[in-house]
């Protein structure tokens, strides 16, 4: 029966994984017309340093997109 694989960045907690598994299972069960017990969901937490997008590792993209720290004056004094 249906097997769903989800790769997402590390950092989501158990409650978020449970919600994801529950929602995907319900949706696939409804669409495929199979019992929820027949649906398998595999969740893989991937470190952003092991995930590339557009030729750049995702941890570098995260660092570039991060807002400056509250005490950061942007190099100005």
PDB file of N, CA and C in Angstrom:
ATOM      1  N   UNK A   1       0.842  -1.176   0.000  1.00  0.00           N
ATOM      2  CA  UNK A   1       0.000   0.000   0.000  1.00  0.00           C
ATOM      3  C   UNK A   1       0.892   1.246   0.000  1.00  0.00           C
ATOM      4  N   UNK A   2       0.337   2.416   0.134  1.00  0.00           N
ATOM      5  CA  UNK A   2       1.116   3.642  -0.037  1.00  0.00           C
ATOM      6  C   UNK A   2       2.241   3.798   0.987  1.00  0.00           C
ATOM      7  N   UNK A   3       3.402   4.213   0.474  1.00  0.00           N
ATOM      8  CA  UNK A   3       4.542   4.578   1.315  1.00  0.00           C
ATOM      9  C   UNK A   3       4.939   5.996   0.935  1.00  0.00           C
ATOM     10  N   UNK A   4       4.984   6.873   1.919  1.00  0.00           N
ATOM     11  CA  UNK A   4       5.310   8.281   1.702  1.00  0.00           C
ATOM     12  C   UNK A   4       6.635   8.568   2.385  1.00  0.00           C
ATOM     13  N   UNK A   5       7.569   9.169   1.663  1.00  0.00           N
ATOM     14  CA  UNK A   5       8.851   9.576   2.243  1.00  0.00           C
ATOM     15  C   UNK A   5       8.902  11.093   2.272  1.00  0.00           C
ATOM     16  N   UNK A   6       9.272  11.627   3.427  1.00  0.00           N
ATOM     17  CA  UNK A   6       9.385  13.072   3.597  1.00  0.00           C
ATOM     18  C   UNK A   6      10.800  13.370   4.088  1.00  0.00           C
ATOM     19  N   UNK A   7      11.520  14.184   3.346  1.00  0.00           N
ATOM     20  CA  UNK A   7      12.821  14.685   3.784  1.00  0.00           C
ATOM     21  C   UNK A   7      12.623  16.156   4.127  1.00  0.00           C
ATOM     22  N   UNK A   8      12.975  16.499   5.357  1.00  0.00           N
ATOM     23  CA  UNK A   8      12.882  17.907   5.751  1.00  0.00           C
ATOM     24  C   UNK A   8      14.031  18.231   6.662  1.00  0.00           C
ATOM     25  N   UNK A   9      14.259  19.530   6.858  1.00  0.00           N
ATOM     26  CA  UNK A   9      15.403  19.952   7.648  1.00  0.00           C
ATOM     27  C   UNK A   9      15.237  19.567   9.105  1.00  0.00           C
ATOM     28  N   UNK A  10      16.341  19.186   9.677  1.00  0.00           N
ATOM     29  CA  UNK A  10      16.407  18.861  11.092  1.00  0.00           C
ATOM     30  C   UNK A  10      15.958  20.065  11.910  1.00  0.00           C
ATOM     31  N   UNK A  11      15.318  19.800  13.041  1.00  0.00           N
ATOM     32  CA  UNK A  11      14.913  20.900  13.919  1.00  0.00           C
ATOM     33  C   UNK A  11      13.439  20.855  14.267  1.00  0.00           C
ATOM     34  N   UNK A  12      12.672  20.027  13.581  1.00  0.00           N
ATOM     35  CA  UNK A  12      11.256  19.888  13.915  1.00  0.00           C
ATOM     36  C   UNK A  12      11.132  18.923  15.092  1.00  0.00           C
ATOM     37  N   UNK A  13      10.245  19.227  16.013  1.00  0.00           N
ATOM     38  CA  UNK A  13      10.124  18.382  17.197  1.00  0.00           C
ATOM     39  C   UNK A  13       9.157  17.223  16.961  1.00  0.00           C
ATOM     40  N   UNK A  14       9.051  16.356  17.953  1.00  0.00           N
ATOM     41  CA  UNK A  14       8.220  15.161  17.842  1.00  0.00           C
ATOM     42  C   UNK A  14       6.759  15.513  17.543  1.00  0.00           C
ATOM     43  N   UNK A  15       6.240  16.549  18.169  1.00  0.00           N
ATOM     44  CA  UNK A  15       4.845  16.949  17.936  1.00  0.00           C
ATOM     45  C   UNK A  15       4.627  17.337  16.474  1.00  0.00           C
ATOM     46  N   UNK A  16       5.581  18.033  15.884  1.00  0.00           N
ATOM     47  CA  UNK A  16       5.460  18.411  14.473  1.00  0.00           C
ATOM     48  C   UNK A  16       5.522  17.183  13.572  1.00  0.00           C
ATOM     49  N   UNK A  17       6.419  16.241  13.894  1.00  0.00           N
ATOM     50  CA  UNK A  17       6.478  15.002  13.100  1.00  0.00           C
ATOM     51  C   UNK A  17       5.178  14.225  13.226  1.00  0.00           C
ATOM     52  N   UNK A  18       4.618  14.153  14.436  1.00  0.00           N
ATOM     53  CA  UNK A  18       3.366  13.429  14.640  1.00  0.00           C
ATOM     54  C   UNK A  18       2.232  14.059  13.830  1.00  0.00           C
ATOM     55  N   UNK A  19       2.168  15.391  13.843  1.00  0.00           N
ATOM     56  CA  UNK A  19       1.121  16.068  13.074  1.00  0.00           C
ATOM     57  C   UNK A  19       1.285  15.811  11.575  1.00  0.00           C
ATOM     58  N   UNK A  20       2.515  15.857  11.097  1.00  0.00           N
ATOM     59  CA  UNK A  20       2.781  15.599   9.687  1.00  0.00           C
ATOM     60  C   UNK A  20       2.353  14.185   9.307  1.00  0.00           C
ATOM     61  N   UNK A  21       2.757  13.194  10.105  1.00  0.00           N
ATOM     62  CA  UNK A  21       2.411  11.800   9.837  1.00  0.00           C
ATOM     63  C   UNK A  21       0.900  11.612   9.857  1.00  0.00           C
ATOM     64  N   UNK A  22       0.237  12.199  10.830  1.00  0.00           N
ATOM     65  CA  UNK A  22      -1.214  12.070  10.959  1.00  0.00           C
ATOM     66  C   UNK A  22      -1.943  12.673   9.760  1.00  0.00           C
ATOM     67  N   UNK A  23      -1.561  13.887   9.387  1.00  0.00           N
ATOM     68  CA  UNK A  23      -2.230  14.574   8.276  1.00  0.00           C
ATOM     69  C   UNK A  23      -1.976  13.872   6.944  1.00  0.00           C
ATOM     70  N   UNK A  24      -0.733  13.475   6.690  1.00  0.00           N
ATOM     71  CA  UNK A  24      -0.432  12.773   5.443  1.00  0.00           C
ATOM     72  C   UNK A  24      -1.168  11.445   5.365  1.00  0.00           C
ATOM     73  N   UNK A  25      -1.204  10.723   6.477  1.00  0.00           N
ATOM     74  CA  UNK A  25      -1.891   9.435   6.509  1.00  0.00           C
ATOM     75  C   UNK A  25      -3.372   9.607   6.188  1.00  0.00           C
ATOM     76  N   UNK A  26      -4.021  10.565   6.819  1.00  0.00           N
ATOM     77  CA  UNK A  26      -5.451  10.794   6.585  1.00  0.00           C
ATOM     78  C   UNK A  26      -5.712  11.166   5.122  1.00  0.00           C
ATOM     79  N   UNK A  27      -4.891  12.036   4.583  1.00  0.00           N
ATOM     80  CA  UNK A  27      -5.073  12.501   3.204  1.00  0.00           C
ATOM     81  C   UNK A  27      -4.889  11.358   2.202  1.00  0.00           C
ATOM     82  N   UNK A  28      -3.810  10.615   2.331  1.00  0.00           N
ATOM     83  CA  UNK A  28      -3.533   9.527   1.400  1.00  0.00           C
ATOM     84  C   UNK A  28      -4.579   8.419   1.534  1.00  0.00           C
ATOM     85  N   UNK A  29      -4.982   8.133   2.762  1.00  0.00           N
ATOM     86  CA  UNK A  29      -6.010   7.118   2.984  1.00  0.00           C
ATOM     87  C   UNK A  29      -7.302   7.498   2.262  1.00  0.00           C
ATOM     88  N   UNK A  30      -7.683   8.760   2.380  1.00  0.00           N
ATOM     89  CA  UNK A  30      -8.913   9.234   1.746  1.00  0.00           C
ATOM     90  C   UNK A  30      -8.812   9.162   0.227  1.00  0.00           C
ATOM     91  N   UNK A  31      -7.710   9.645  -0.323  1.00  0.00           N
ATOM     92  CA  UNK A  31      -7.556   9.696  -1.775  1.00  0.00           C
ATOM     93  C   UNK A  31      -7.361   8.301  -2.367  1.00  0.00           C
ATOM     94  N   UNK A  32      -6.567   7.455  -1.701  1.00  0.00           N
ATOM     95  CA  UNK A  32      -6.281   6.118  -2.219  1.00  0.00           C
ATOM     96  C   UNK A  32      -7.394   5.120  -1.910  1.00  0.00           C
ATOM     97  N   UNK A  33      -8.282   5.498  -0.990  1.00  0.00           N
ATOM     98  CA  UNK A  33      -9.366   4.600  -0.638  1.00  0.00           C
ATOM     99  C   UNK A  33      -8.884   3.370   0.123  1.00  0.00           C
ATOM    100  N   UNK A  34      -7.874   3.563   0.948  1.00  0.00           N
ATOM    101  CA  UNK A  34      -7.342   2.447   1.726  1.00  0.00           C
ATOM    102  C   UNK A  34      -7.429   2.787   3.209  1.00  0.00           C
ATOM    103  N   UNK A  35      -7.356   1.781   4.066  1.00  0.00           N
ATOM    104  CA  UNK A  35      -7.391   2.080   5.498  1.00  0.00           C
ATOM    105  C   UNK A  35      -6.114   2.807   5.926  1.00  0.00           C
ATOM    106  N   UNK A  36      -6.224   3.640   6.954  1.00  0.00           N
ATOM    107  CA  UNK A  36      -5.056   4.372   7.449  1.00  0.00           C
ATOM    108  C   UNK A  36      -3.935   3.435   7.858  1.00  0.00           C
ATOM    109  N   UNK A  37      -4.286   2.258   8.340  1.00  0.00           N
ATOM    110  CA  UNK A  37      -3.272   1.290   8.782  1.00  0.00           C
ATOM    111  C   UNK A  37      -2.399   0.809   7.625  1.00  0.00           C
ATOM    112  N   UNK A  38      -2.856   1.008   6.403  1.00  0.00           N
ATOM    113  CA  UNK A  38      -2.099   0.574   5.233  1.00  0.00           C
ATOM    114  C   UNK A  38      -1.087   1.617   4.764  1.00  0.00           C
ATOM    115  N   UNK A  39      -1.156   2.812   5.319  1.00  0.00           N
ATOM    116  CA  UNK A  39      -0.284   3.919   4.894  1.00  0.00           C
ATOM    117  C   UNK A  39       0.957   3.965   5.785  1.00  0.00           C
ATOM    118  N   UNK A  40       2.111   4.006   5.156  1.00  0.00           N
ATOM    119  CA  UNK A  40       3.384   4.145   5.876  1.00  0.00           C
ATOM    120  C   UNK A  40       3.979   5.501   5.530  1.00  0.00           C
ATOM    121  N   UNK A  41       4.445   6.218   6.551  1.00  0.00           N
ATOM    122  CA  UNK A  41       5.109   7.506   6.350  1.00  0.00           C
ATOM    123  C   UNK A  41       6.500   7.413   6.961  1.00  0.00           C
ATOM    124  N   UNK A  42       7.500   7.739   6.169  1.00  0.00           N
ATOM    125  CA  UNK A  42       8.886   7.757   6.625  1.00  0.00           C
ATOM    126  C   UNK A  42       9.340   9.206   6.636  1.00  0.00           C
ATOM    127  N   UNK A  43       9.778   9.683   7.802  1.00  0.00           N
ATOM    128  CA  UNK A  43      10.238  11.066   7.941  1.00  0.00           C
ATOM    129  C   UNK A  43      11.740  11.046   8.190  1.00  0.00           C
ATOM    130  N   UNK A  44      12.477  11.747   7.353  1.00  0.00           N
ATOM    131  CA  UNK A  44      13.925  11.849   7.507  1.00  0.00           C
ATOM    132  C   UNK A  44      14.296  13.285   7.841  1.00  0.00           C
ATOM    133  N   UNK A  45      14.981  13.449   8.952  1.00  0.00           N
ATOM    134  CA  UNK A  45      15.501  14.765   9.336  1.00  0.00           C
ATOM    135  C   UNK A  45      16.888  14.915   8.720  1.00  0.00           C
ATOM    136  N   UNK A  46      17.034  15.904   7.875  1.00  0.00           N
ATOM    137  CA  UNK A  46      18.286  16.120   7.164  1.00  0.00           C
ATOM    138  C   UNK A  46      18.941  17.397   7.678  1.00  0.00           C
ATOM    139  N   UNK A  47      20.194  17.283   8.035  1.00  0.00           N
ATOM    140  CA  UNK A  47      20.955  18.461   8.459  1.00  0.00           C
ATOM    141  C   UNK A  47      21.069  19.414   7.266  1.00  0.00           C
ATOM    142  N   UNK A  48      20.794  20.715   7.452  1.00  0.00           N
ATOM    143  CA  UNK A  48      20.884  21.647   6.333  1.00  0.00           C
ATOM    144  C   UNK A  48      22.256  21.665   5.657  1.00  0.00           C
ATOM    145  N   UNK A  49      23.297  21.239   6.367  1.00  0.00           N
ATOM    146  CA  UNK A  49      24.622  21.153   5.771  1.00  0.00           C
ATOM    147  C   UNK A  49      24.758  19.981   4.814  1.00  0.00           C
ATOM    148  N   UNK A  50      23.742  19.119   4.785  1.00  0.00           N
ATOM    149  CA  UNK A  50      23.725  17.971   3.871  1.00  0.00           C
ATOM    150  C   UNK A  50      22.626  18.126   2.828  1.00  0.00           C
ATOM    151  N   UNK A  51      22.172  19.347   2.607  1.00  0.00           N
ATOM    152  CA  UNK A  51      21.056  19.631   1.701  1.00  0.00           C
ATOM    153  C   UNK A  51      21.490  20.791   0.818  1.00  0.00           C
ATOM    154  N   UNK A  52      21.477  20.590  -0.466  1.00  0.00           N
ATOM    155  CA  UNK A  52      21.882  21.664  -1.372  1.00  0.00           C
ATOM    156  C   UNK A  52      20.713  22.176  -2.189  1.00  0.00           C
ATOM    157  N   UNK A  53      20.744  23.455  -2.470  1.00  0.00           N
ATOM    158  CA  UNK A  53      19.709  24.069  -3.312  1.00  0.00           C
ATOM    159  C   UNK A  53      20.385  25.128  -4.177  1.00  0.00           C
ATOM    160  N   UNK A  54      20.217  25.001  -5.461  1.00  0.00           N
ATOM    161  CA  UNK A  54      20.805  25.976  -6.372  1.00  0.00           C
ATOM    162  C   UNK A  54      22.327  26.003  -6.317  1.00  0.00           C
ATOM    163  N   UNK A  55      22.930  24.859  -5.997  1.00  0.00           N
ATOM    164  CA  UNK A  55      24.384  24.775  -5.954  1.00  0.00           C
ATOM    165  C   UNK A  55      25.005  25.255  -4.652  1.00  0.00           C
ATOM    166  N   UNK A  56      24.166  25.562  -3.654  1.00  0.00           N
ATOM    167  CA  UNK A  56      24.648  26.072  -2.373  1.00  0.00           C
ATOM    168  C   UNK A  56      24.073  25.209  -1.262  1.00  0.00           C
ATOM    169  N   UNK A  57      24.887  24.918  -0.242  1.00  0.00           N
ATOM    170  CA  UNK A  57      24.373  24.175   0.899  1.00  0.00           C
ATOM    171  C   UNK A  57      23.367  25.020   1.665  1.00  0.00           C
ATOM    172  N   UNK A  58      22.319  24.373   2.131  1.00  0.00           N
ATOM    173  CA  UNK A  58      21.207  25.075   2.771  1.00  0.00           C
ATOM    174  C   UNK A  58      21.624  25.796   4.045  1.00  0.00           C
ATOM    175  N   UNK A  59      22.632  25.280   4.777  1.00  0.00           N
ATOM    176  CA  UNK A  59      23.044  25.997   5.982  1.00  0.00           C
ATOM    177  C   UNK A  59      23.644  27.351   5.633  1.00  0.00           C
ATOM    178  N   UNK A  60      24.302  27.464   4.488  1.00  0.00           N
ATOM    179  CA  UNK A  60      24.826  28.755   4.039  1.00  0.00           C
ATOM    180  C   UNK A  60      23.674  29.680   3.643  1.00  0.00           C
ATOM    181  N   UNK A  61      22.642  29.113   3.011  1.00  0.00           N
ATOM    182  CA  UNK A  61      21.472  29.923   2.647  1.00  0.00           C
ATOM    183  C   UNK A  61      20.762  30.427   3.891  1.00  0.00           C
ATOM    184  N   UNK A  62      20.659  29.573   4.921  1.00  0.00           N
ATOM    185  CA  UNK A  62      20.022  29.985   6.180  1.00  0.00           C
ATOM    186  C   UNK A  62      20.805  31.119   6.816  1.00  0.00           C
ATOM    187  N   UNK A  63      22.121  30.995   6.844  1.00  0.00           N
ATOM    188  CA  UNK A  63      22.959  32.024   7.464  1.00  0.00           C
ATOM    189  C   UNK A  63      22.824  33.352   6.721  1.00  0.00           C
ATOM    190  N   UNK A  64      22.746  33.293   5.406  1.00  0.00           N
ATOM    191  CA  UNK A  64      22.620  34.515   4.609  1.00  0.00           C
ATOM    192  C   UNK A  64      21.258  35.178   4.802  1.00  0.00           C
ATOM    193  N   UNK A  65      20.229  34.367   5.074  1.00  0.00           N
ATOM    194  CA  UNK A  65      18.870  34.898   5.215  1.00  0.00           C
ATOM    195  C   UNK A  65      18.532  35.288   6.652  1.00  0.00           C
ATOM    196  N   UNK A  66      19.379  34.913   7.598  1.00  0.00           N
ATOM    197  CA  UNK A  66      19.079  35.185   9.009  1.00  0.00           C
ATOM    198  C   UNK A  66      19.090  36.686   9.271  1.00  0.00           C
ATOM    199  N   UNK A  67      18.098  37.169  10.033  1.00  0.00           N
ATOM    200  CA  UNK A  67      18.088  38.589  10.380  1.00  0.00           C
ATOM    201  C   UNK A  67      19.239  38.896  11.334  1.00  0.00           C
ATOM    202  N   UNK A  68      19.723  40.124  11.338  1.00  0.00           N
ATOM    203  CA  UNK A  68      20.824  40.467  12.243  1.00  0.00           C
ATOM    204  C   UNK A  68      20.388  40.333  13.705  1.00  0.00           C
ATOM    205  N   UNK A  69      21.350  40.026  14.543  1.00  0.00           N
ATOM    206  CA  UNK A  69      21.078  39.909  15.975  1.00  0.00           C
ATOM    207  C   UNK A  69      20.591  41.245  16.509  1.00  0.00           C
ATOM    208  N   UNK A  70      19.768  41.238  17.575  1.00  0.00           N
ATOM    209  CA  UNK A  70      19.214  42.494  18.104  1.00  0.00           C
ATOM    210  C   UNK A  70      20.271  43.537  18.463  1.00  0.00           C
ATOM    211  N   UNK A  71      21.434  43.125  18.910  1.00  0.00           N
ATOM    212  CA  UNK A  71      22.489  44.073  19.279  1.00  0.00           C
ATOM    213  C   UNK A  71      23.420  44.414  18.127  1.00  0.00           C
ATOM    214  N   UNK A  72      23.145  43.844  16.962  1.00  0.00           N
ATOM    215  CA  UNK A  72      23.968  44.086  15.784  1.00  0.00           C
ATOM    216  C   UNK A  72      23.632  45.457  15.219  1.00  0.00           C
ATOM    217  N   UNK A  73      24.609  46.307  15.088  1.00  0.00           N
ATOM    218  CA  UNK A  73      24.393  47.656  14.562  1.00  0.00           C
ATOM    219  C   UNK A  73      24.736  47.723  13.086  1.00  0.00           C
ATOM    220  N   UNK A  74      24.984  46.550  12.495  1.00  0.00           N
ATOM    221  CA  UNK A  74      25.302  46.532  11.067  1.00  0.00           C
ATOM    222  C   UNK A  74      26.670  47.108  10.782  1.00  0.00           C
ATOM    223  N   UNK A  75      27.576  47.076  11.756  1.00  0.00           N
ATOM    224  CA  UNK A  75      28.926  47.582  11.557  1.00  0.00           C
ATOM    225  C   UNK A  75      29.041  49.061  11.835  1.00  0.00           C
ATOM    226  N   UNK A  76      27.930  49.706  12.159  1.00  0.00           N
ATOM    227  CA  UNK A  76      27.967  51.144  12.441  1.00  0.00           C
ATOM    228  C   UNK A  76      27.932  51.363  13.940  1.00  0.00           C
ATOM    229  N   UNK A  77      28.545  52.477  14.358  1.00  0.00           N
ATOM    230  CA  UNK A  77      28.538  52.784  15.784  1.00  0.00           C
ATOM    231  C   UNK A  77      27.967  54.148  16.042  1.00  0.00           C
TER     232      UNK A  77
END
